[in-house]
Amino acid sequence: MKDKGTAIDIARLLYERKAQGITVLNVAHLTVLTDYLVIASGYNALQVKALADYLDEKLGMIGMDLRRIEGASDGRWIVMDYNNIIVHIFHQEDREYYRLDHLWSDGQNRLTLPFVDESADVAE
């Protein structure tokens, strides 16, 4: 339960910085790599990098260790590994191409984010 709340908190941090199409998926039953995926988009490479930097700073302040980060130099698709939670921050075009939301969704594992208007902010 702790990881679920943390994944939602991560999504909230991204939402506060104007990330788009925020999705949180419980994938514990689909893979041994992680329990939750947080997926979000930025409008451009600069915003993608800024979202990752902000998230790293905020999570570091509460003692969450970033195990690994990939893609930070390009800002097209940044992957941040926090062990039981993996965060994917995409440039919108790359997110549409790779469609991780669909790849890892089983139709029932998407978490409801109470702070997001689902009708206005769904990335499909």
N, C-alpha and C. Protein backbone atom coordinates (compact mmCIF):
# COMPACT_ATOMS: atom_id res chain seq x y z
N MET A 1 0.82 -1.20 0.00
CA MET A 1 0.00 0.00 0.00
C MET A 1 0.87 1.26 0.00
N LYS A 2 2.01 1.19 0.68
CA LYS A 2 2.90 2.35 0.74
C LYS A 2 3.35 2.77 -0.66
N ASP A 3 3.72 1.79 -1.50
CA ASP A 3 4.18 2.10 -2.86
C ASP A 3 3.06 2.70 -3.70
N LYS A 4 1.85 2.25 -3.50
CA LYS A 4 0.71 2.81 -4.24
C LYS A 4 0.56 4.29 -3.93
N GLY A 5 0.60 4.63 -2.65
CA GLY A 5 0.49 6.03 -2.24
C GLY A 5 1.65 6.86 -2.77
N THR A 6 2.83 6.29 -2.76
CA THR A 6 4.00 7.00 -3.28
C THR A 6 3.88 7.23 -4.79
N ALA A 7 3.40 6.23 -5.51
CA ALA A 7 3.21 6.38 -6.96
C ALA A 7 2.21 7.51 -7.25
N ILE A 8 1.14 7.58 -6.47
CA ILE A 8 0.16 8.65 -6.65
C ILE A 8 0.76 9.99 -6.28
N ASP A 9 1.59 10.02 -5.24
CA ASP A 9 2.27 11.27 -4.87
C ASP A 9 3.22 11.74 -5.98
N ILE A 10 3.90 10.81 -6.61
CA ILE A 10 4.78 11.15 -7.73
C ILE A 10 3.95 11.74 -8.87
N ALA A 11 2.83 11.12 -9.15
CA ALA A 11 1.94 11.64 -10.20
C ALA A 11 1.46 13.05 -9.85
N ARG A 12 1.18 13.28 -8.59
CA ARG A 12 0.73 14.61 -8.14
C ARG A 12 1.84 15.65 -8.36
N LEU A 13 3.08 15.29 -8.04
CA LEU A 13 4.20 16.21 -8.26
C LEU A 13 4.32 16.57 -9.74
N LEU A 14 4.16 15.58 -10.60
CA LEU A 14 4.22 15.83 -12.04
C LEU A 14 3.06 16.71 -12.49
N TYR A 15 1.90 16.46 -11.95
CA TYR A 15 0.70 17.24 -12.27
C TYR A 15 0.88 18.71 -11.88
N GLU A 16 1.48 18.92 -10.72
CA GLU A 16 1.70 20.29 -10.25
C GLU A 16 2.65 21.06 -11.17
N ARG A 17 3.48 20.35 -11.91
CA ARG A 17 4.42 20.99 -12.84
C ARG A 17 3.92 20.91 -14.28
N LYS A 18 2.64 20.69 -14.44
CA LYS A 18 1.98 20.74 -15.76
C LYS A 18 2.33 19.60 -16.70
N ALA A 19 2.69 18.44 -16.15
CA ALA A 19 2.86 17.26 -16.99
C ALA A 19 1.50 16.90 -17.58
N GLN A 20 1.52 16.27 -18.73
CA GLN A 20 0.29 15.91 -19.44
C GLN A 20 0.08 14.40 -19.43
N GLY A 21 -1.17 13.98 -19.53
CA GLY A 21 -1.50 12.56 -19.71
C GLY A 21 -0.92 11.66 -18.65
N ILE A 22 -1.01 12.04 -17.40
CA ILE A 22 -0.39 11.27 -16.33
C ILE A 22 -1.18 9.99 -16.09
N THR A 23 -0.45 8.89 -16.08
CA THR A 23 -1.04 7.57 -15.86
C THR A 23 -0.21 6.83 -14.83
N VAL A 24 -0.88 6.14 -13.91
CA VAL A 24 -0.19 5.26 -12.96
C VAL A 24 -0.78 3.87 -13.13
N LEU A 25 0.09 2.90 -13.38
CA LEU A 25 -0.33 1.52 -13.59
C LEU A 25 0.29 0.61 -12.53
N ASN A 26 -0.52 -0.27 -11.96
CA ASN A 26 -0.04 -1.30 -11.06
C ASN A 26 0.35 -2.48 -11.95
N VAL A 27 1.64 -2.76 -12.03
CA VAL A 27 2.14 -3.82 -12.91
C VAL A 27 2.79 -4.97 -12.14
N ALA A 28 2.58 -5.01 -10.85
CA ALA A 28 3.22 -6.03 -10.01
C ALA A 28 2.87 -7.44 -10.47
N HIS A 29 1.67 -7.64 -10.97
CA HIS A 29 1.24 -8.96 -11.43
C HIS A 29 1.68 -9.27 -12.86
N LEU A 30 2.30 -8.30 -13.52
CA LEU A 30 2.73 -8.48 -14.90
C LEU A 30 4.24 -8.62 -15.06
N THR A 31 5.02 -8.14 -14.07
CA THR A 31 6.48 -8.15 -14.19
C THR A 31 7.12 -8.20 -12.81
N VAL A 32 8.36 -8.68 -12.76
CA VAL A 32 9.12 -8.67 -11.51
C VAL A 32 10.01 -7.44 -11.42
N LEU A 33 10.02 -6.61 -12.47
CA LEU A 33 10.91 -5.45 -12.50
C LEU A 33 10.49 -4.34 -11.55
N THR A 34 9.19 -4.14 -11.39
CA THR A 34 8.68 -3.05 -10.57
C THR A 34 7.24 -3.33 -10.22
N ASP A 35 6.70 -2.54 -9.29
CA ASP A 35 5.29 -2.69 -8.93
C ASP A 35 4.40 -1.66 -9.61
N TYR A 36 4.94 -0.46 -9.82
CA TYR A 36 4.14 0.62 -10.41
C TYR A 36 4.92 1.34 -11.50
N LEU A 37 4.20 1.73 -12.54
CA LEU A 37 4.73 2.59 -13.58
C LEU A 37 3.98 3.91 -13.51
N VAL A 38 4.73 5.00 -13.48
CA VAL A 38 4.14 6.33 -13.60
C VAL A 38 4.59 6.85 -14.95
N ILE A 39 3.61 7.22 -15.79
CA ILE A 39 3.90 7.65 -17.15
C ILE A 39 3.31 9.04 -17.35
N ALA A 40 4.12 9.94 -17.89
CA ALA A 40 3.65 11.31 -18.12
C ALA A 40 4.35 11.87 -19.35
N SER A 41 3.82 12.99 -19.85
CA SER A 41 4.38 13.64 -21.03
C SER A 41 4.68 15.10 -20.76
N GLY A 42 5.66 15.60 -21.50
CA GLY A 42 5.95 17.03 -21.53
C GLY A 42 5.79 17.52 -22.96
N TYR A 43 5.60 18.82 -23.11
CA TYR A 43 5.39 19.40 -24.44
C TYR A 43 6.65 19.40 -25.30
N ASN A 44 7.80 19.49 -24.64
CA ASN A 44 9.06 19.55 -25.38
C ASN A 44 10.18 19.00 -24.51
N ALA A 45 11.37 18.87 -25.09
CA ALA A 45 12.50 18.28 -24.37
C ALA A 45 12.86 19.08 -23.12
N LEU A 46 12.74 20.38 -23.18
CA LEU A 46 13.05 21.22 -22.02
C LEU A 46 12.10 20.92 -20.86
N GLN A 47 10.81 20.79 -21.14
CA GLN A 47 9.87 20.48 -20.08
C GLN A 47 10.08 19.06 -19.55
N VAL A 48 10.38 18.12 -20.43
CA VAL A 48 10.64 16.75 -19.99
C VAL A 48 11.81 16.73 -19.01
N LYS A 49 12.89 17.42 -19.35
CA LYS A 49 14.05 17.49 -18.45
C LYS A 49 13.70 18.20 -17.15
N ALA A 50 12.94 19.28 -17.23
CA ALA A 50 12.56 20.02 -16.02
C ALA A 50 11.69 19.16 -15.11
N LEU A 51 10.78 18.39 -15.67
CA LEU A 51 9.94 17.50 -14.86
C LEU A 51 10.80 16.47 -14.13
N ALA A 52 11.76 15.89 -14.83
CA ALA A 52 12.64 14.89 -14.23
C ALA A 52 13.50 15.52 -13.13
N ASP A 53 14.04 16.69 -13.38
CA ASP A 53 14.86 17.37 -12.37
C ASP A 53 14.04 17.70 -11.13
N TYR A 54 12.85 18.21 -11.33
CA TYR A 54 11.96 18.56 -10.21
C TYR A 54 11.61 17.31 -9.39
N LEU A 55 11.27 16.25 -10.08
CA LEU A 55 10.91 15.01 -9.40
C LEU A 55 12.09 14.46 -8.61
N ASP A 56 13.27 14.46 -9.21
CA ASP A 56 14.46 13.97 -8.52
C ASP A 56 14.75 14.79 -7.27
N GLU A 57 14.61 16.11 -7.39
CA GLU A 57 14.85 16.98 -6.24
C GLU A 57 13.85 16.71 -5.12
N LYS A 58 12.57 16.65 -5.45
CA LYS A 58 11.53 16.46 -4.44
C LYS A 58 11.60 15.09 -3.79
N LEU A 59 11.84 14.05 -4.57
CA LEU A 59 11.91 12.71 -4.01
C LEU A 59 13.18 12.52 -3.20
N GLY A 60 14.25 13.16 -3.60
CA GLY A 60 15.49 13.12 -2.82
C GLY A 60 15.31 13.75 -1.44
N MET A 61 14.48 14.78 -1.39
CA MET A 61 14.23 15.46 -0.11
C MET A 61 13.50 14.57 0.89
N ILE A 62 12.76 13.58 0.39
CA ILE A 62 12.05 12.66 1.31
C ILE A 62 12.77 11.32 1.43
N GLY A 63 13.99 11.26 0.90
CA GLY A 63 14.82 10.08 1.10
C GLY A 63 14.63 8.97 0.08
N MET A 64 13.96 9.25 -1.02
CA MET A 64 13.84 8.23 -2.07
C MET A 64 15.07 8.29 -2.95
N ASP A 65 15.76 7.18 -3.02
CA ASP A 65 16.99 7.11 -3.80
C ASP A 65 16.70 6.75 -5.25
N LEU A 66 17.21 7.55 -6.15
CA LEU A 66 17.12 7.27 -7.57
C LEU A 66 18.19 6.23 -7.90
N ARG A 67 17.75 5.03 -8.24
CA ARG A 67 18.69 3.95 -8.53
C ARG A 67 19.39 4.14 -9.87
N ARG A 68 18.61 4.63 -10.85
CA ARG A 68 19.18 4.79 -12.19
C ARG A 68 18.30 5.75 -12.99
N ILE A 69 18.92 6.50 -13.86
CA ILE A 69 18.19 7.38 -14.77
C ILE A 69 18.77 7.22 -16.17
N GLU A 70 17.89 7.18 -17.16
CA GLU A 70 18.31 7.06 -18.56
C GLU A 70 17.57 8.11 -19.38
N GLY A 71 18.22 8.64 -20.39
CA GLY A 71 17.60 9.55 -21.33
C GLY A 71 17.61 11.01 -20.93
N ALA A 72 18.24 11.34 -19.83
CA ALA A 72 18.21 12.72 -19.33
C ALA A 72 18.90 13.70 -20.27
N SER A 73 19.89 13.26 -21.00
CA SER A 73 20.61 14.20 -21.86
C SER A 73 19.78 14.59 -23.10
N ASP A 74 18.96 13.68 -23.60
CA ASP A 74 18.16 13.98 -24.78
C ASP A 74 16.83 14.65 -24.46
N GLY A 75 16.20 14.24 -23.37
CA GLY A 75 14.92 14.82 -22.99
C GLY A 75 13.76 14.37 -23.84
N ARG A 76 13.90 13.25 -24.50
CA ARG A 76 12.80 12.71 -25.31
C ARG A 76 12.02 11.66 -24.52
N TRP A 77 12.75 10.83 -23.77
CA TRP A 77 12.13 9.79 -22.96
C TRP A 77 13.07 9.55 -21.78
N ILE A 78 12.69 10.03 -20.64
CA ILE A 78 13.51 9.86 -19.44
C ILE A 78 12.88 8.78 -18.57
N VAL A 79 13.71 7.82 -18.18
CA VAL A 79 13.27 6.73 -17.31
C VAL A 79 13.99 6.88 -15.98
N MET A 80 13.20 6.93 -14.90
CA MET A 80 13.75 7.09 -13.55
C MET A 80 13.35 5.87 -12.72
N ASP A 81 14.33 5.15 -12.21
CA ASP A 81 14.08 3.91 -11.47
C ASP A 81 14.18 4.17 -9.97
N TYR A 82 13.05 4.06 -9.31
CA TYR A 82 12.99 4.19 -7.85
C TYR A 82 12.65 2.85 -7.22
N ASN A 83 13.14 1.77 -7.80
CA ASN A 83 12.98 0.41 -7.34
C ASN A 83 11.57 -0.10 -7.59
N ASN A 84 10.64 0.09 -6.67
CA ASN A 84 9.29 -0.42 -6.84
C ASN A 84 8.41 0.49 -7.69
N ILE A 85 8.96 1.62 -8.08
CA ILE A 85 8.24 2.57 -8.94
C ILE A 85 9.20 3.04 -10.03
N ILE A 86 8.78 2.88 -11.27
CA ILE A 86 9.56 3.38 -12.39
C ILE A 86 8.76 4.50 -13.05
N VAL A 87 9.42 5.63 -13.26
CA VAL A 87 8.78 6.80 -13.85
C VAL A 87 9.28 6.97 -15.28
N HIS A 88 8.34 7.13 -16.20
CA HIS A 88 8.64 7.40 -17.61
C HIS A 88 8.10 8.78 -17.92
N ILE A 89 8.98 9.68 -18.34
CA ILE A 89 8.56 11.02 -18.75
C ILE A 89 8.94 11.16 -20.22
N PHE A 90 7.93 11.33 -21.04
CA PHE A 90 8.09 11.33 -22.50
C PHE A 90 7.88 12.70 -23.10
N HIS A 91 8.53 12.93 -24.22
CA HIS A 91 8.10 13.94 -25.17
C HIS A 91 6.82 13.37 -25.78
N GLN A 92 5.83 14.19 -26.05
CA GLN A 92 4.53 13.70 -26.49
C GLN A 92 4.60 12.79 -27.72
N GLU A 93 5.42 13.15 -28.69
CA GLU A 93 5.52 12.33 -29.91
C GLU A 93 6.07 10.94 -29.62
N ASP A 94 7.05 10.85 -28.75
CA ASP A 94 7.63 9.55 -28.41
C ASP A 94 6.66 8.70 -27.62
N ARG A 95 5.90 9.34 -26.76
CA ARG A 95 4.90 8.58 -26.00
C ARG A 95 3.84 7.98 -26.91
N GLU A 96 3.41 8.73 -27.89
CA GLU A 96 2.42 8.22 -28.84
C GLU A 96 2.99 7.06 -29.65
N TYR A 97 4.27 7.11 -29.94
CA TYR A 97 4.91 6.06 -30.72
C TYR A 97 5.06 4.77 -29.89
N TYR A 98 5.57 4.87 -28.67
CA TYR A 98 5.86 3.68 -27.88
C TYR A 98 4.65 3.12 -27.15
N ARG A 99 3.68 3.95 -26.83
CA ARG A 99 2.41 3.52 -26.24
C ARG A 99 2.56 2.58 -25.03
N LEU A 100 3.42 2.93 -24.09
CA LEU A 100 3.60 2.11 -22.90
C LEU A 100 2.31 1.94 -22.11
N ASP A 101 1.47 2.96 -22.14
CA ASP A 101 0.19 2.87 -21.44
C ASP A 101 -0.58 1.64 -21.87
N HIS A 102 -0.57 1.38 -23.18
CA HIS A 102 -1.31 0.25 -23.74
C HIS A 102 -0.55 -1.05 -23.55
N LEU A 103 0.75 -0.99 -23.65
CA LEU A 103 1.57 -2.19 -23.51
C LEU A 103 1.42 -2.82 -22.13
N TRP A 104 1.38 -1.98 -21.09
CA TRP A 104 1.35 -2.47 -19.72
C TRP A 104 -0.03 -2.46 -19.07
N SER A 105 -1.03 -2.02 -19.79
CA SER A 105 -2.37 -2.00 -19.23
C SER A 105 -3.07 -3.33 -19.47
N ASP A 106 -3.74 -3.81 -18.43
CA ASP A 106 -4.55 -5.02 -18.60
C ASP A 106 -6.03 -4.69 -18.52
N GLY A 107 -6.35 -3.42 -18.55
CA GLY A 107 -7.74 -2.98 -18.50
C GLY A 107 -8.27 -2.73 -17.11
N GLN A 108 -7.53 -3.16 -16.09
CA GLN A 108 -7.99 -3.00 -14.72
C GLN A 108 -6.91 -2.48 -13.79
N ASN A 109 -5.72 -2.24 -14.28
CA ASN A 109 -4.61 -1.89 -13.39
C ASN A 109 -4.27 -0.40 -13.37
N ARG A 110 -5.08 0.43 -14.00
CA ARG A 110 -4.84 1.87 -13.98
C ARG A 110 -5.42 2.45 -12.69
N LEU A 111 -4.59 3.20 -11.97
CA LEU A 111 -5.04 3.81 -10.72
C LEU A 111 -5.77 5.12 -11.01
N THR A 112 -6.78 5.39 -10.23
CA THR A 112 -7.49 6.65 -10.32
C THR A 112 -6.68 7.72 -9.62
N LEU A 113 -6.49 8.83 -10.28
CA LEU A 113 -5.76 9.96 -9.71
C LEU A 113 -6.79 11.01 -9.32
N PRO A 114 -7.00 11.21 -8.03
CA PRO A 114 -8.08 12.09 -7.57
C PRO A 114 -7.92 13.56 -7.95
N PHE A 115 -6.74 13.97 -8.31
CA PHE A 115 -6.47 15.37 -8.63
C PHE A 115 -6.53 15.66 -10.12
N VAL A 116 -6.78 14.66 -10.95
CA VAL A 116 -6.81 14.82 -12.41
C VAL A 116 -8.23 14.70 -12.90
N ASP A 117 -8.64 15.63 -13.76
CA ASP A 117 -9.93 15.54 -14.44
C ASP A 117 -9.75 14.55 -15.58
N GLU A 118 -10.19 13.33 -15.38
CA GLU A 118 -9.97 12.25 -16.36
C GLU A 118 -10.50 12.60 -17.74
N SER A 119 -11.58 13.33 -17.82
CA SER A 119 -12.16 13.63 -19.13
C SER A 119 -11.30 14.62 -19.91
N ALA A 120 -10.47 15.40 -19.21
CA ALA A 120 -9.68 16.42 -19.88
C ALA A 120 -8.23 16.05 -20.07
N ASP A 121 -7.74 15.00 -19.39
CA ASP A 121 -6.30 14.74 -19.39
C ASP A 121 -5.98 13.27 -19.56
N VAL A 122 -6.48 12.66 -20.60
CA VAL A 122 -6.19 11.26 -20.86
C VAL A 122 -5.35 11.15 -22.12
N ALA A 123 -4.21 10.46 -22.02
CA ALA A 123 -3.34 10.27 -23.18
C ALA A 123 -3.62 8.89 -23.75
N GLU A 124 -4.13 8.83 -24.92
CA GLU A 124 -4.43 7.53 -25.55
C GLU A 124 -3.69 7.39 -26.83
